[in-house]
Structure formats: structure tokens, C-alpha cells
Amino acid sequence: ANKFFNLTAIEQDIIKHHMWPLTPIPPH
């Protein structure tokens, strides 16, 4: 997504943390 789009901090948080709790860091 970062290659093709200028992402907001919220968009980055959504993409990075949507697999919580399988991934350890929860959304912000």
C-alpha cells in the first residue's frame, strides 16, 4: 500500500494491526 498510496496514520494502523490478537500489537 505504501508503494502505491500516500497513507494516513489511521490507514497504516488499520492495515498493520488488523490481525490482532494473532499479531501481538493491538490497534491504536
mmCIF file of all heavy atoms, coordinates in Angstrom:
data_MODEL
# 
_entry.id   MODEL 
# 
loop_
_atom_site.group_PDB 
_atom_site.id 
_atom_site.type_symbol 
_atom_site.label_atom_id 
_atom_site.label_alt_id 
_atom_site.label_comp_id 
_atom_site.label_asym_id 
_atom_site.label_entity_id 
_atom_site.label_seq_id 
_atom_site.pdbx_PDB_ins_code 
_atom_site.Cartn_x 
_atom_site.Cartn_y 
_atom_site.Cartn_z 
_atom_site.occupancy 
_atom_site.B_iso_or_equiv 
_atom_site.pdbx_formal_charge 
_atom_site.auth_seq_id 
_atom_site.auth_comp_id 
_atom_site.auth_asym_id 
_atom_site.auth_atom_id 
_atom_site.pdbx_PDB_model_num 
ATOM 1   N N   . ALA A 1 1  ? 0.833  -1.208  0.000  1.00 0.00 ? 1  ALA A N   1 
ATOM 2   C CA  . ALA A 1 1  ? 0.000  0.000   0.000  1.00 0.00 ? 1  ALA A CA  1 
ATOM 3   C C   . ALA A 1 1  ? 0.867  1.257   0.000  1.00 0.00 ? 1  ALA A C   1 
ATOM 4   O O   . ALA A 1 1  ? 0.552  2.232   -0.698 1.00 0.00 ? 1  ALA A O   1 
ATOM 5   C CB  . ALA A 1 1  ? -0.941 -0.015  1.198  1.00 0.00 ? 1  ALA A CB  1 
ATOM 6   N N   . ASN A 1 2  ? 1.952  1.225   0.750  1.00 0.00 ? 2  ASN A N   1 
ATOM 7   C CA  . ASN A 1 2  ? 2.851  2.387   0.786  1.00 0.00 ? 2  ASN A CA  1 
ATOM 8   C C   . ASN A 1 2  ? 3.515  2.644   -0.562 1.00 0.00 ? 2  ASN A C   1 
ATOM 9   O O   . ASN A 1 2  ? 3.895  3.776   -0.858 1.00 0.00 ? 2  ASN A O   1 
ATOM 10  C CB  . ASN A 1 2  ? 3.914  2.222   1.871  1.00 0.00 ? 2  ASN A CB  1 
ATOM 11  C CG  . ASN A 1 2  ? 3.424  2.648   3.228  1.00 0.00 ? 2  ASN A CG  1 
ATOM 12  O OD1 . ASN A 1 2  ? 2.683  3.617   3.360  1.00 0.00 ? 2  ASN A OD1 1 
ATOM 13  N ND2 . ASN A 1 2  ? 3.822  1.919   4.253  1.00 0.00 ? 2  ASN A ND2 1 
ATOM 14  N N   . LYS A 1 3  ? 3.680  1.610   -1.385 1.00 0.00 ? 3  LYS A N   1 
ATOM 15  C CA  . LYS A 1 3  ? 4.269  1.792   -2.714 1.00 0.00 ? 3  LYS A CA  1 
ATOM 16  C C   . LYS A 1 3  ? 3.343  2.567   -3.647 1.00 0.00 ? 3  LYS A C   1 
ATOM 17  O O   . LYS A 1 3  ? 3.807  3.296   -4.521 1.00 0.00 ? 3  LYS A O   1 
ATOM 18  C CB  . LYS A 1 3  ? 4.554  0.431   -3.365 1.00 0.00 ? 3  LYS A CB  1 
ATOM 19  C CG  . LYS A 1 3  ? 5.736  -0.308  -2.799 1.00 0.00 ? 3  LYS A CG  1 
ATOM 20  C CD  . LYS A 1 3  ? 5.882  -1.645  -3.503 1.00 0.00 ? 3  LYS A CD  1 
ATOM 21  C CE  . LYS A 1 3  ? 6.797  -2.557  -2.720 1.00 0.00 ? 3  LYS A CE  1 
ATOM 22  N NZ  . LYS A 1 3  ? 6.793  -3.934  -3.260 1.00 0.00 ? 3  LYS A NZ  1 
ATOM 23  N N   . PHE A 1 4  ? 2.046  2.381   -3.493 1.00 0.00 ? 4  PHE A N   1 
ATOM 24  C CA  . PHE A 1 4  ? 1.087  2.945   -4.440 1.00 0.00 ? 4  PHE A CA  1 
ATOM 25  C C   . PHE A 1 4  ? 0.260  4.111   -3.901 1.00 0.00 ? 4  PHE A C   1 
ATOM 26  O O   . PHE A 1 4  ? -0.356 4.831   -4.680 1.00 0.00 ? 4  PHE A O   1 
ATOM 27  C CB  . PHE A 1 4  ? 0.125  1.846   -4.921 1.00 0.00 ? 4  PHE A CB  1 
ATOM 28  C CG  . PHE A 1 4  ? 0.819  0.732   -5.635 1.00 0.00 ? 4  PHE A CG  1 
ATOM 29  C CD1 . PHE A 1 4  ? 1.021  -0.486  -5.007 1.00 0.00 ? 4  PHE A CD1 1 
ATOM 30  C CD2 . PHE A 1 4  ? 1.293  0.897   -6.926 1.00 0.00 ? 4  PHE A CD2 1 
ATOM 31  C CE1 . PHE A 1 4  ? 1.678  -1.527  -5.658 1.00 0.00 ? 4  PHE A CE1 1 
ATOM 32  C CE2 . PHE A 1 4  ? 1.947  -0.124  -7.583 1.00 0.00 ? 4  PHE A CE2 1 
ATOM 33  C CZ  . PHE A 1 4  ? 2.135  -1.339  -6.959 1.00 0.00 ? 4  PHE A CZ  1 
ATOM 34  N N   . PHE A 1 5  ? 0.221  4.275   -2.590 1.00 0.00 ? 5  PHE A N   1 
ATOM 35  C CA  . PHE A 1 5  ? -0.659 5.276   -1.989 1.00 0.00 ? 5  PHE A CA  1 
ATOM 36  C C   . PHE A 1 5  ? 0.074  6.072   -0.920 1.00 0.00 ? 5  PHE A C   1 
ATOM 37  O O   . PHE A 1 5  ? 0.979  5.565   -0.268 1.00 0.00 ? 5  PHE A O   1 
ATOM 38  C CB  . PHE A 1 5  ? -1.882 4.600   -1.344 1.00 0.00 ? 5  PHE A CB  1 
ATOM 39  C CG  . PHE A 1 5  ? -2.644 3.726   -2.297 1.00 0.00 ? 5  PHE A CG  1 
ATOM 40  C CD1 . PHE A 1 5  ? -2.439 2.353   -2.305 1.00 0.00 ? 5  PHE A CD1 1 
ATOM 41  C CD2 . PHE A 1 5  ? -3.550 4.274   -3.190 1.00 0.00 ? 5  PHE A CD2 1 
ATOM 42  C CE1 . PHE A 1 5  ? -3.129 1.538   -3.194 1.00 0.00 ? 5  PHE A CE1 1 
ATOM 43  C CE2 . PHE A 1 5  ? -4.238 3.468   -4.078 1.00 0.00 ? 5  PHE A CE2 1 
ATOM 44  C CZ  . PHE A 1 5  ? -4.026 2.100   -4.078 1.00 0.00 ? 5  PHE A CZ  1 
ATOM 45  N N   . ASN A 1 6  ? -0.367 7.305   -0.731 1.00 0.00 ? 6  ASN A N   1 
ATOM 46  C CA  . ASN A 1 6  ? 0.120  8.134   0.361  1.00 0.00 ? 6  ASN A CA  1 
ATOM 47  C C   . ASN A 1 6  ? -0.848 7.904   1.521  1.00 0.00 ? 6  ASN A C   1 
ATOM 48  O O   . ASN A 1 6  ? -1.929 8.484   1.546  1.00 0.00 ? 6  ASN A O   1 
ATOM 49  C CB  . ASN A 1 6  ? 0.158  9.601   -0.086 1.00 0.00 ? 6  ASN A CB  1 
ATOM 50  C CG  . ASN A 1 6  ? 0.763  10.501  0.946  1.00 0.00 ? 6  ASN A CG  1 
ATOM 51  O OD1 . ASN A 1 6  ? 1.428  10.042  1.878  1.00 0.00 ? 6  ASN A OD1 1 
ATOM 52  N ND2 . ASN A 1 6  ? 0.543  11.785  0.794  1.00 0.00 ? 6  ASN A ND2 1 
ATOM 53  N N   . LEU A 1 7  ? -0.482 7.033   2.447  1.00 0.00 ? 7  LEU A N   1 
ATOM 54  C CA  . LEU A 1 7  ? -1.388 6.594   3.508  1.00 0.00 ? 7  LEU A CA  1 
ATOM 55  C C   . LEU A 1 7  ? -1.387 7.541   4.699  1.00 0.00 ? 7  LEU A C   1 
ATOM 56  O O   . LEU A 1 7  ? -0.347 8.068   5.087  1.00 0.00 ? 7  LEU A O   1 
ATOM 57  C CB  . LEU A 1 7  ? -0.985 5.204   4.002  1.00 0.00 ? 7  LEU A CB  1 
ATOM 58  C CG  . LEU A 1 7  ? -0.970 4.079   2.975  1.00 0.00 ? 7  LEU A CG  1 
ATOM 59  C CD1 . LEU A 1 7  ? -0.427 2.804   3.603  1.00 0.00 ? 7  LEU A CD1 1 
ATOM 60  C CD2 . LEU A 1 7  ? -2.356 3.840   2.399  1.00 0.00 ? 7  LEU A CD2 1 
ATOM 61  N N   . THR A 1 8  ? -2.555 7.697   5.301  1.00 0.00 ? 8  THR A N   1 
ATOM 62  C CA  . THR A 1 8  ? -2.645 8.431   6.561  1.00 0.00 ? 8  THR A CA  1 
ATOM 63  C C   . THR A 1 8  ? -2.166 7.508   7.692  1.00 0.00 ? 8  THR A C   1 
ATOM 64  O O   . THR A 1 8  ? -2.060 6.286   7.514  1.00 0.00 ? 8  THR A O   1 
ATOM 65  C CB  . THR A 1 8  ? -4.094 8.859   6.854  1.00 0.00 ? 8  THR A CB  1 
ATOM 66  O OG1 . THR A 1 8  ? -4.890 7.690   7.101  1.00 0.00 ? 8  THR A OG1 1 
ATOM 67  C CG2 . THR A 1 8  ? -4.679 9.686   5.716  1.00 0.00 ? 8  THR A CG2 1 
ATOM 68  N N   . ALA A 1 9  ? -1.931 8.084   8.855  1.00 0.00 ? 9  ALA A N   1 
ATOM 69  C CA  . ALA A 1 9  ? -1.542 7.281   10.021 1.00 0.00 ? 9  ALA A CA  1 
ATOM 70  C C   . ALA A 1 9  ? -2.644 6.288   10.378 1.00 0.00 ? 9  ALA A C   1 
ATOM 71  O O   . ALA A 1 9  ? -2.364 5.146   10.772 1.00 0.00 ? 9  ALA A O   1 
ATOM 72  C CB  . ALA A 1 9  ? -1.222 8.194   11.202 1.00 0.00 ? 9  ALA A CB  1 
ATOM 73  N N   . ILE A 1 10 ? -3.892 6.691   10.237 1.00 0.00 ? 10 ILE A N   1 
ATOM 74  C CA  . ILE A 1 10 ? -5.015 5.797   10.544 1.00 0.00 ? 10 ILE A CA  1 
ATOM 75  C C   . ILE A 1 10 ? -5.035 4.618   9.570  1.00 0.00 ? 10 ILE A C   1 
ATOM 76  O O   . ILE A 1 10 ? -5.220 3.468   9.969  1.00 0.00 ? 10 ILE A O   1 
ATOM 77  C CB  . ILE A 1 10 ? -6.354 6.569   10.517 1.00 0.00 ? 10 ILE A CB  1 
ATOM 78  C CG1 . ILE A 1 10 ? -6.412 7.553   11.689 1.00 0.00 ? 10 ILE A CG1 1 
ATOM 79  C CG2 . ILE A 1 10 ? -7.549 5.611   10.556 1.00 0.00 ? 10 ILE A CG2 1 
ATOM 80  C CD1 . ILE A 1 10 ? -7.576 8.529   11.627 1.00 0.00 ? 10 ILE A CD1 1 
ATOM 81  N N   . GLU A 1 11 ? -4.860 4.884   8.283  1.00 0.00 ? 11 GLU A N   1 
ATOM 82  C CA  . GLU A 1 11 ? -4.828 3.812   7.285  1.00 0.00 ? 11 GLU A CA  1 
ATOM 83  C C   . GLU A 1 11 ? -3.695 2.833   7.573  1.00 0.00 ? 11 GLU A C   1 
ATOM 84  O O   . GLU A 1 11 ? -3.876 1.610   7.487  1.00 0.00 ? 11 GLU A O   1 
ATOM 85  C CB  . GLU A 1 11 ? -4.695 4.402   5.877  1.00 0.00 ? 11 GLU A CB  1 
ATOM 86  C CG  . GLU A 1 11 ? -5.915 5.181   5.450  1.00 0.00 ? 11 GLU A CG  1 
ATOM 87  C CD  . GLU A 1 11 ? -5.705 6.110   4.273  1.00 0.00 ? 11 GLU A CD  1 
ATOM 88  O OE1 . GLU A 1 11 ? -4.553 6.282   3.816  1.00 0.00 ? 11 GLU A OE1 1 
ATOM 89  O OE2 . GLU A 1 11 ? -6.713 6.675   3.812  1.00 0.00 ? 11 GLU A OE2 1 
ATOM 90  N N   . GLN A 1 12 ? -2.543 3.357   7.941  1.00 0.00 ? 12 GLN A N   1 
ATOM 91  C CA  . GLN A 1 12 ? -1.415 2.489   8.284  1.00 0.00 ? 12 GLN A CA  1 
ATOM 92  C C   . GLN A 1 12 ? -1.745 1.629   9.500  1.00 0.00 ? 12 GLN A C   1 
ATOM 93  O O   . GLN A 1 12 ? -1.433 0.435   9.529  1.00 0.00 ? 12 GLN A O   1 
ATOM 94  C CB  . GLN A 1 12 ? -0.157 3.319   8.543  1.00 0.00 ? 12 GLN A CB  1 
ATOM 95  C CG  . GLN A 1 12 ? 0.385  3.964   7.287  1.00 0.00 ? 12 GLN A CG  1 
ATOM 96  C CD  . GLN A 1 12 ? 1.609  4.799   7.552  1.00 0.00 ? 12 GLN A CD  1 
ATOM 97  O OE1 . GLN A 1 12 ? 2.463  4.434   8.341  1.00 0.00 ? 12 GLN A OE1 1 
ATOM 98  N NE2 . GLN A 1 12 ? 1.702  5.940   6.877  1.00 0.00 ? 12 GLN A NE2 1 
ATOM 99  N N   . ASP A 1 13 ? -2.370 2.215   10.497 1.00 0.00 ? 13 ASP A N   1 
ATOM 100 C CA  . ASP A 1 13 ? -2.756 1.473   11.700 1.00 0.00 ? 13 ASP A CA  1 
ATOM 101 C C   . ASP A 1 13 ? -3.749 0.367   11.357 1.00 0.00 ? 13 ASP A C   1 
ATOM 102 O O   . ASP A 1 13 ? -3.622 -0.763  11.843 1.00 0.00 ? 13 ASP A O   1 
ATOM 103 C CB  . ASP A 1 13 ? -3.359 2.438   12.731 1.00 0.00 ? 13 ASP A CB  1 
ATOM 104 C CG  . ASP A 1 13 ? -3.648 1.786   14.067 1.00 0.00 ? 13 ASP A CG  1 
ATOM 105 O OD1 . ASP A 1 13 ? -2.832 0.960   14.533 1.00 0.00 ? 13 ASP A OD1 1 
ATOM 106 O OD2 . ASP A 1 13 ? -4.685 2.117   14.667 1.00 0.00 ? 13 ASP A OD2 1 
ATOM 107 N N   . ILE A 1 14 ? -4.719 0.658   10.516 1.00 0.00 ? 14 ILE A N   1 
ATOM 108 C CA  . ILE A 1 14 ? -5.705 -0.345  10.107 1.00 0.00 ? 14 ILE A CA  1 
ATOM 109 C C   . ILE A 1 14 ? -5.011 -1.529  9.453  1.00 0.00 ? 14 ILE A C   1 
ATOM 110 O O   . ILE A 1 14 ? -5.251 -2.688  9.808  1.00 0.00 ? 14 ILE A O   1 
ATOM 111 C CB  . ILE A 1 14 ? -6.747 0.270   9.142  1.00 0.00 ? 14 ILE A CB  1 
ATOM 112 C CG1 . ILE A 1 14 ? -7.662 1.236   9.891  1.00 0.00 ? 14 ILE A CG1 1 
ATOM 113 C CG2 . ILE A 1 14 ? -7.551 -0.821  8.436  1.00 0.00 ? 14 ILE A CG2 1 
ATOM 114 C CD1 . ILE A 1 14 ? -8.537 2.103   8.975  1.00 0.00 ? 14 ILE A CD1 1 
ATOM 115 N N   . ILE A 1 15 ? -4.158 -1.251  8.481  1.00 0.00 ? 15 ILE A N   1 
ATOM 116 C CA  . ILE A 1 15 ? -3.502 -2.319  7.723  1.00 0.00 ? 15 ILE A CA  1 
ATOM 117 C C   . ILE A 1 15 ? -2.557 -3.114  8.622  1.00 0.00 ? 15 ILE A C   1 
ATOM 118 O O   . ILE A 1 15 ? -2.579 -4.349  8.628  1.00 0.00 ? 15 ILE A O   1 
ATOM 119 C CB  . ILE A 1 15 ? -2.745 -1.737  6.511  1.00 0.00 ? 15 ILE A CB  1 
ATOM 120 C CG1 . ILE A 1 15 ? -3.732 -1.056  5.553  1.00 0.00 ? 15 ILE A CG1 1 
ATOM 121 C CG2 . ILE A 1 15 ? -1.946 -2.828  5.798  1.00 0.00 ? 15 ILE A CG2 1 
ATOM 122 C CD1 . ILE A 1 15 ? -3.080 -0.172  4.493  1.00 0.00 ? 15 ILE A CD1 1 
ATOM 123 N N   . LYS A 1 16 ? -1.751 -2.434  9.378  1.00 0.00 ? 16 LYS A N   1 
ATOM 124 C CA  . LYS A 1 16 ? -0.710 -3.087  10.189 1.00 0.00 ? 16 LYS A CA  1 
ATOM 125 C C   . LYS A 1 16 ? -1.279 -3.928  11.330 1.00 0.00 ? 16 LYS A C   1 
ATOM 126 O O   . LYS A 1 16 ? -0.727 -4.970  11.679 1.00 0.00 ? 16 LYS A O   1 
ATOM 127 C CB  . LYS A 1 16 ? 0.237  -2.022  10.747 1.00 0.00 ? 16 LYS A CB  1 
ATOM 128 C CG  . LYS A 1 16 ? 1.390  -2.555  11.561 1.00 0.00 ? 16 LYS A CG  1 
ATOM 129 C CD  . LYS A 1 16 ? 2.397  -3.266  10.702 1.00 0.00 ? 16 LYS A CD  1 
ATOM 130 C CE  . LYS A 1 16 ? 3.585  -3.707  11.547 1.00 0.00 ? 16 LYS A CE  1 
ATOM 131 N NZ  . LYS A 1 16 ? 4.415  -4.648  10.831 1.00 0.00 ? 16 LYS A NZ  1 
ATOM 132 N N   . HIS A 1 17 ? -2.394 -3.504  11.919 1.00 0.00 ? 17 HIS A N   1 
ATOM 133 C CA  . HIS A 1 17 ? -2.870 -4.154  13.147 1.00 0.00 ? 17 HIS A CA  1 
ATOM 134 C C   . HIS A 1 17 ? -4.192 -4.906  13.017 1.00 0.00 ? 17 HIS A C   1 
ATOM 135 O O   . HIS A 1 17 ? -4.768 -5.308  14.026 1.00 0.00 ? 17 HIS A O   1 
ATOM 136 C CB  . HIS A 1 17 ? -2.963 -3.117  14.270 1.00 0.00 ? 17 HIS A CB  1 
ATOM 137 C CG  . HIS A 1 17 ? -1.640 -2.490  14.576 1.00 0.00 ? 17 HIS A CG  1 
ATOM 138 N ND1 . HIS A 1 17 ? -1.385 -1.162  14.363 1.00 0.00 ? 17 HIS A ND1 1 
ATOM 139 C CD2 . HIS A 1 17 ? -0.488 -3.032  15.018 1.00 0.00 ? 17 HIS A CD2 1 
ATOM 140 C CE1 . HIS A 1 17 ? -0.131 -0.905  14.697 1.00 0.00 ? 17 HIS A CE1 1 
ATOM 141 N NE2 . HIS A 1 17 ? 0.441  -2.025  15.087 1.00 0.00 ? 17 HIS A NE2 1 
ATOM 142 N N   . HIS A 1 18 ? -4.664 -5.135  11.786 1.00 0.00 ? 18 HIS A N   1 
ATOM 143 C CA  . HIS A 1 18 ? -5.977 -5.780  11.642 1.00 0.00 ? 18 HIS A CA  1 
ATOM 144 C C   . HIS A 1 18 ? -5.985 -7.243  12.070 1.00 0.00 ? 18 HIS A C   1 
ATOM 145 O O   . HIS A 1 18 ? -7.048 -7.802  12.295 1.00 0.00 ? 18 HIS A O   1 
ATOM 146 C CB  . HIS A 1 18 ? -6.510 -5.638  10.204 1.00 0.00 ? 18 HIS A CB  1 
ATOM 147 C CG  . HIS A 1 18 ? -5.880 -6.552  9.209  1.00 0.00 ? 18 HIS A CG  1 
ATOM 148 N ND1 . HIS A 1 18 ? -4.712 -6.230  8.554  1.00 0.00 ? 18 HIS A ND1 1 
ATOM 149 C CD2 . HIS A 1 18 ? -6.257 -7.774  8.770  1.00 0.00 ? 18 HIS A CD2 1 
ATOM 150 C CE1 . HIS A 1 18 ? -4.399 -7.221  7.745  1.00 0.00 ? 18 HIS A CE1 1 
ATOM 151 N NE2 . HIS A 1 18 ? -5.310 -8.172  7.853  1.00 0.00 ? 18 HIS A NE2 1 
ATOM 152 N N   . MET A 1 19 ? -4.835 -7.863  12.216 1.00 0.00 ? 19 MET A N   1 
ATOM 153 C CA  . MET A 1 19 ? -4.793 -9.281  12.609 1.00 0.00 ? 19 MET A CA  1 
ATOM 154 C C   . MET A 1 19 ? -4.650 -9.487  14.119 1.00 0.00 ? 19 MET A C   1 
ATOM 155 O O   . MET A 1 19 ? -4.528 -10.620 14.580 1.00 0.00 ? 19 MET A O   1 
ATOM 156 C CB  . MET A 1 19 ? -3.659 -10.003 11.877 1.00 0.00 ? 19 MET A CB  1 
ATOM 157 C CG  . MET A 1 19 ? -3.954 -10.274 10.421 1.00 0.00 ? 19 MET A CG  1 
ATOM 158 S SD  . MET A 1 19 ? -5.435 -11.255 10.147 1.00 0.00 ? 19 MET A SD  1 
ATOM 159 C CE  . MET A 1 19 ? -4.911 -12.845 10.766 1.00 0.00 ? 19 MET A CE  1 
ATOM 160 N N   . TRP A 1 20 ? -4.704 -8.419  14.895 1.00 0.00 ? 20 TRP A N   1 
ATOM 161 C CA  . TRP A 1 20 ? -4.650 -8.558  16.340 1.00 0.00 ? 20 TRP A CA  1 
ATOM 162 C C   . TRP A 1 20 ? -5.863 -9.377  16.797 1.00 0.00 ? 20 TRP A C   1 
ATOM 163 O O   . TRP A 1 20 ? -6.938 -9.226  16.241 1.00 0.00 ? 20 TRP A O   1 
ATOM 164 C CB  . TRP A 1 20 ? -4.655 -7.156  16.977 1.00 0.00 ? 20 TRP A CB  1 
ATOM 165 C CG  . TRP A 1 20 ? -4.612 -7.206  18.456 1.00 0.00 ? 20 TRP A CG  1 
ATOM 166 C CD1 . TRP A 1 20 ? -3.529 -7.440  19.245 1.00 0.00 ? 20 TRP A CD1 1 
ATOM 167 C CD2 . TRP A 1 20 ? -5.723 -7.026  19.342 1.00 0.00 ? 20 TRP A CD2 1 
ATOM 168 N NE1 . TRP A 1 20 ? -3.895 -7.411  20.551 1.00 0.00 ? 20 TRP A NE1 1 
ATOM 169 C CE2 . TRP A 1 20 ? -5.237 -7.173  20.651 1.00 0.00 ? 20 TRP A CE2 1 
ATOM 170 C CE3 . TRP A 1 20 ? -7.070 -6.769  19.157 1.00 0.00 ? 20 TRP A CE3 1 
ATOM 171 C CZ2 . TRP A 1 20 ? -6.058 -7.058  21.763 1.00 0.00 ? 20 TRP A CZ2 1 
ATOM 172 C CZ3 . TRP A 1 20 ? -7.885 -6.653  20.251 1.00 0.00 ? 20 TRP A CZ3 1 
ATOM 173 C CH2 . TRP A 1 20 ? -7.379 -6.796  21.538 1.00 0.00 ? 20 TRP A CH2 1 
ATOM 174 N N   . PRO A 1 21 ? -5.738 -10.299 17.705 1.00 0.00 ? 21 PRO A N   1 
ATOM 175 C CA  . PRO A 1 21 ? -4.606 -10.615 18.580 1.00 0.00 ? 21 PRO A CA  1 
ATOM 176 C C   . PRO A 1 21 ? -3.640 -11.671 18.040 1.00 0.00 ? 21 PRO A C   1 
ATOM 177 O O   . PRO A 1 21 ? -2.716 -12.064 18.737 1.00 0.00 ? 21 PRO A O   1 
ATOM 178 C CB  . PRO A 1 21 ? -5.292 -11.114 19.847 1.00 0.00 ? 21 PRO A CB  1 
ATOM 179 C CG  . PRO A 1 21 ? -6.519 -11.795 19.359 1.00 0.00 ? 21 PRO A CG  1 
ATOM 180 C CD  . PRO A 1 21 ? -6.958 -10.997 18.141 1.00 0.00 ? 21 PRO A CD  1 
ATOM 181 N N   . LEU A 1 22 ? -3.838 -12.132 16.783 1.00 0.00 ? 22 LEU A N   1 
ATOM 182 C CA  . LEU A 1 22 ? -2.870 -13.074 16.221 1.00 0.00 ? 22 LEU A CA  1 
ATOM 183 C C   . LEU A 1 22 ? -1.493 -12.419 16.148 1.00 0.00 ? 22 LEU A C   1 
ATOM 184 O O   . LEU A 1 22 ? -0.489 -13.049 16.445 1.00 0.00 ? 22 LEU A O   1 
ATOM 185 C CB  . LEU A 1 22 ? -3.320 -13.537 14.830 1.00 0.00 ? 22 LEU A CB  1 
ATOM 186 C CG  . LEU A 1 22 ? -2.487 -14.631 14.170 1.00 0.00 ? 22 LEU A CG  1 
ATOM 187 C CD1 . LEU A 1 22 ? -2.465 -15.899 15.018 1.00 0.00 ? 22 LEU A CD1 1 
ATOM 188 C CD2 . LEU A 1 22 ? -3.023 -14.940 12.774 1.00 0.00 ? 22 LEU A CD2 1 
ATOM 189 N N   . THR A 1 23 ? -1.454 -11.172 15.749 1.00 0.00 ? 23 THR A N   1 
ATOM 190 C CA  . THR A 1 23 ? -0.219 -10.394 15.832 1.00 0.00 ? 23 THR A CA  1 
ATOM 191 C C   . THR A 1 23 ? -0.271 -9.645  17.171 1.00 0.00 ? 23 THR A C   1 
ATOM 192 O O   . THR A 1 23 ? -1.347 -9.255  17.622 1.00 0.00 ? 23 THR A O   1 
ATOM 193 C CB  . THR A 1 23 ? -0.090 -9.428  14.642 1.00 0.00 ? 23 THR A CB  1 
ATOM 194 O OG1 . THR A 1 23 ? -1.247 -8.613  14.570 1.00 0.00 ? 23 THR A OG1 1 
ATOM 195 C CG2 . THR A 1 23 ? 0.084  -10.193 13.327 1.00 0.00 ? 23 THR A CG2 1 
ATOM 196 N N   . PRO A 1 24 ? 0.871  -9.458  17.822 1.00 0.00 ? 24 PRO A N   1 
ATOM 197 C CA  . PRO A 1 24 ? 0.855  -9.034  19.226 1.00 0.00 ? 24 PRO A CA  1 
ATOM 198 C C   . PRO A 1 24 ? 0.502  -7.580  19.526 1.00 0.00 ? 24 PRO A C   1 
ATOM 199 O O   . PRO A 1 24 ? 0.048  -7.282  20.616 1.00 0.00 ? 24 PRO A O   1 
ATOM 200 C CB  . PRO A 1 24 ? 2.283  -9.326  19.703 1.00 0.00 ? 24 PRO A CB  1 
ATOM 201 C CG  . PRO A 1 24 ? 3.106  -9.282  18.465 1.00 0.00 ? 24 PRO A CG  1 
ATOM 202 C CD  . PRO A 1 24 ? 2.216  -9.775  17.357 1.00 0.00 ? 24 PRO A CD  1 
ATOM 203 N N   . ILE A 1 25 ? 0.657  -6.686  18.574 1.00 0.00 ? 25 ILE A N   1 
ATOM 204 C CA  . ILE A 1 25 ? 0.433  -5.275  18.874 1.00 0.00 ? 25 ILE A CA  1 
ATOM 205 C C   . ILE A 1 25 ? -0.994 -4.894  18.480 1.00 0.00 ? 25 ILE A C   1 
ATOM 206 O O   . ILE A 1 25 ? -1.382 -5.038  17.324 1.00 0.00 ? 25 ILE A O   1 
ATOM 207 C CB  . ILE A 1 25 ? 1.459  -4.382  18.151 1.00 0.00 ? 25 ILE A CB  1 
ATOM 208 C CG1 . ILE A 1 25 ? 2.872  -4.767  18.607 1.00 0.00 ? 25 ILE A CG1 1 
ATOM 209 C CG2 . ILE A 1 25 ? 1.176  -2.903  18.416 1.00 0.00 ? 25 ILE A CG2 1 
ATOM 210 C CD1 . ILE A 1 25 ? 3.976  -4.100  17.839 1.00 0.00 ? 25 ILE A CD1 1 
ATOM 211 N N   . PRO A 1 26 ? -1.782 -4.404  19.446 1.00 0.00 ? 26 PRO A N   1 
ATOM 212 C CA  . PRO A 1 26 ? -3.173 -4.050  19.143 1.00 0.00 ? 26 PRO A CA  1 
ATOM 213 C C   . PRO A 1 26 ? -3.264 -2.755  18.329 1.00 0.00 ? 26 PRO A C   1 
ATOM 214 O O   . PRO A 1 26 ? -2.309 -1.977  18.278 1.00 0.00 ? 26 PRO A O   1 
ATOM 215 C CB  . PRO A 1 26 ? -3.801 -3.865  20.523 1.00 0.00 ? 26 PRO A CB  1 
ATOM 216 C CG  . PRO A 1 26 ? -2.675 -3.497  21.407 1.00 0.00 ? 26 PRO A CG  1 
ATOM 217 C CD  . PRO A 1 26 ? -1.455 -4.189  20.862 1.00 0.00 ? 26 PRO A CD  1 
ATOM 218 N N   . PRO A 1 27 ? -4.414 -2.524  17.726 1.00 0.00 ? 27 PRO A N   1 
ATOM 219 C CA  . PRO A 1 27 ? -4.637 -1.262  17.017 1.00 0.00 ? 27 PRO A CA  1 
ATOM 220 C C   . PRO A 1 27 ? -4.515 -0.068  17.967 1.00 0.00 ? 27 PRO A C   1 
ATOM 221 O O   . PRO A 1 27 ? -4.676 -0.199  19.180 1.00 0.00 ? 27 PRO A O   1 
ATOM 222 C CB  . PRO A 1 27 ? -6.079 -1.397  16.507 1.00 0.00 ? 27 PRO A CB  1 
ATOM 223 C CG  . PRO A 1 27 ? -6.349 -2.860  16.480 1.00 0.00 ? 27 PRO A CG  1 
ATOM 224 C CD  . PRO A 1 27 ? -5.570 -3.428  17.616 1.00 0.00 ? 27 PRO A CD  1 
ATOM 225 N N   . HIS A 1 28 ? -4.273 1.103   17.370 1.00 0.00 ? 28 HIS A N   1 
ATOM 226 C CA  . HIS A 1 28 ? -4.141 2.334   18.146 1.00 0.00 ? 28 HIS A CA  1 
ATOM 227 C C   . HIS A 1 28 ? -5.318 3.283   17.948 1.00 0.00 ? 28 HIS A C   1 
ATOM 228 O O   . HIS A 1 28 ? -5.465 4.235   18.698 1.00 0.00 ? 28 HIS A O   1 
ATOM 229 C CB  . HIS A 1 28 ? -2.849 3.068   17.766 1.00 0.00 ? 28 HIS A CB  1 
ATOM 230 C CG  . HIS A 1 28 ? -1.618 2.237   17.932 1.00 0.00 ? 28 HIS A CG  1 
ATOM 231 N ND1 . HIS A 1 28 ? -1.208 1.698   19.129 1.00 0.00 ? 28 HIS A ND1 1 
ATOM 232 C CD2 . HIS A 1 28 ? -0.701 1.828   17.022 1.00 0.00 ? 28 HIS A CD2 1 
ATOM 233 C CE1 . HIS A 1 28 ? -0.100 1.011   18.960 1.00 0.00 ? 28 HIS A CE1 1 
ATOM 234 N NE2 . HIS A 1 28 ? 0.228  1.069   17.688 1.00 0.00 ? 28 HIS A NE2 1 
# 
